[in-house]
Amino acid sequence: MLLKSTTRHIRIFTAEVENNELVPSENVLTLDIDPDNELNWNEESLQKVYRKFDELVEAYNGEDLTEYNLRRIGSDLEHLIRAMLQKGEISYNLNSRVVNYSMGLPRVDSQGELKPA
C-alpha cells in the first residue's frame, strides 16, 4: 500500500520510481523536494535536505512505517527549508508558475537581492 506525506515543499512516498511511475514499496522511501519549483536551490542546499532526511529516517528505524511518522519527517524537513530560506541559503524563485510566500514575505537587501522576511 502506498503511504505518502505532502507538505508545501516536501513529498515523501513509500515507493520507488520506475519508468516515471511510483511503484509502492515497503522498503524504499522516495523524497521529492520542492515539486513546484518555488525555491532556488543549489547542490549544497539540496544535499543538506537529503542528509537531514536520511537522519530522520534512521531515527525511525525499527518503528512501524505509518503516515503519521512520514508526516513528522515531512514537517521536520519543511522547518529545515524555512530555516535555510531565512538564512539565505536558498531563495524564492520569482519565475515559478505560482509565487507563494508561504515561508514569509521576501525583502530586498542593500544590494537589491530578495531575501525572506
Protein backbone atom coordinates (compact mmCIF):
# COMPACT_ATOMS: atom_id res chain seq x y z
CA MET A 1 0.00 0.00 0.00
CA LEU A 2 1.32 3.44 -0.94
CA LEU A 3 1.74 5.80 2.01
CA LYS A 4 2.60 9.44 1.50
CA SER A 5 3.26 12.72 3.24
CA THR A 6 2.79 16.02 1.45
CA THR A 7 3.77 19.45 2.71
CA ARG A 8 4.22 22.64 0.70
CA HIS A 9 7.78 21.82 -0.34
CA ILE A 10 8.25 18.14 0.59
CA ARG A 11 6.62 14.96 -0.68
CA ILE A 12 7.54 11.56 0.71
CA PHE A 13 6.23 8.30 -0.75
CA THR A 14 6.66 4.66 0.24
CA ALA A 15 7.53 3.88 -3.35
CA GLU A 16 10.24 3.58 -5.98
CA VAL A 17 10.21 5.48 -9.25
CA GLU A 18 10.16 3.13 -12.25
CA ASN A 19 9.55 4.47 -15.76
CA ASN A 20 8.37 7.78 -14.25
CA GLU A 21 5.74 5.95 -12.21
CA LEU A 22 5.55 5.42 -8.45
CA VAL A 23 5.61 1.73 -7.57
CA PRO A 24 4.65 1.03 -3.93
CA SER A 25 7.46 -0.41 -1.83
CA GLU A 26 7.71 -1.50 1.79
CA ASN A 27 11.49 -0.96 1.78
CA VAL A 28 12.04 2.33 -0.06
CA LEU A 29 11.11 5.93 0.64
CA THR A 30 11.17 8.43 -2.21
CA LEU A 31 11.70 12.12 -1.44
CA ASP A 32 10.54 14.87 -3.79
CA ILE A 33 11.89 18.29 -2.80
CA ASP A 34 10.04 21.43 -3.93
CA PRO A 35 8.00 19.79 -6.70
CA ASP A 36 6.55 23.14 -7.83
CA ASN A 37 9.99 24.80 -8.09
CA GLU A 38 9.02 27.64 -5.77
CA LEU A 39 12.58 28.00 -4.48
CA ASN A 40 16.04 28.39 -5.98
CA TRP A 41 18.32 25.54 -4.97
CA ASN A 42 21.99 24.77 -5.32
CA GLU A 43 23.54 21.33 -4.93
CA GLU A 44 24.79 22.07 -1.40
CA SER A 45 21.35 23.08 -0.14
CA LEU A 46 19.71 20.04 -1.74
CA GLN A 47 22.29 17.74 -0.16
CA LYS A 48 21.59 19.34 3.23
CA VAL A 49 17.91 18.36 2.92
CA TYR A 50 18.81 14.84 1.75
CA ARG A 51 21.21 14.38 4.69
CA LYS A 52 18.54 15.54 7.16
CA PHE A 53 16.04 13.17 5.52
CA ASP A 54 18.47 10.28 5.98
CA GLU A 55 18.98 11.23 9.65
CA LEU A 56 15.25 11.39 10.30
CA VAL A 57 14.58 8.08 8.57
CA GLU A 58 17.36 6.46 10.60
CA ALA A 59 15.83 7.85 13.81
CA TYR A 60 12.62 5.95 12.99
CA ASN A 61 14.49 2.71 12.24
CA GLY A 62 12.63 -0.21 13.80
CA GLU A 63 9.34 1.66 14.20
CA ASP A 64 6.21 0.95 12.18
CA LEU A 65 6.06 2.80 8.89
CA THR A 66 2.92 4.93 9.21
CA GLU A 67 1.54 8.06 7.57
CA TYR A 68 1.93 9.80 10.92
CA ASN A 69 5.68 9.08 11.02
CA LEU A 70 6.04 10.20 7.39
CA ARG A 71 4.21 13.44 8.21
CA ARG A 72 6.56 14.07 11.13
CA ILE A 73 9.57 13.62 8.86
CA GLY A 74 7.98 15.89 6.23
CA SER A 75 7.22 18.57 8.82
CA ASP A 76 10.78 18.48 10.17
CA LEU A 77 12.13 18.89 6.62
CA GLU A 78 9.73 21.78 5.99
CA HIS A 79 11.10 23.51 9.12
CA LEU A 80 14.64 22.96 7.84
CA ILE A 81 13.73 24.53 4.49
CA ARG A 82 12.22 27.55 6.24
CA ALA A 83 15.40 27.99 8.29
CA MET A 84 17.52 27.71 5.13
CA LEU A 85 15.36 30.35 3.43
CA GLN A 86 15.67 32.69 6.41
CA LYS A 87 19.48 32.23 6.43
CA GLY A 88 19.67 32.99 2.72
CA GLU A 89 20.91 29.50 1.78
CA ILE A 90 18.02 29.24 -0.69
CA SER A 91 15.70 31.90 -2.12
CA TYR A 92 12.28 32.30 -3.69
CA ASN A 93 12.05 31.51 -7.39
CA LEU A 94 10.29 34.56 -8.83
CA ASN A 95 9.90 32.73 -12.16
CA SER A 96 7.85 29.95 -10.58
CA ARG A 97 4.41 29.39 -12.08
CA VAL A 98 3.00 30.12 -8.62
CA VAL A 99 4.62 32.74 -6.42
CA ASN A 100 3.60 31.84 -2.88
CA TYR A 101 5.45 33.39 0.02
CA SER A 102 4.31 30.67 2.42
CA MET A 103 7.50 30.99 4.46
CA GLY A 104 7.48 34.76 4.84
CA LEU A 105 7.41 37.76 2.56
CA PRO A 106 10.68 38.45 0.79
CA ARG A 107 12.59 41.64 1.48
CA VAL A 108 15.22 43.38 -0.60
CA ASP A 109 18.69 43.79 0.89
CA SER A 110 21.05 46.69 0.20
CA GLN A 111 22.35 45.02 -2.99
CA GLY A 112 18.86 44.55 -4.44
CA GLU A 113 18.66 40.80 -3.74
CA LEU A 114 15.43 39.28 -2.49
CA LYS A 115 15.63 37.78 0.98
CA PRO A 116 12.91 36.16 3.11
CA ALA A 117 11.23 38.40 5.67
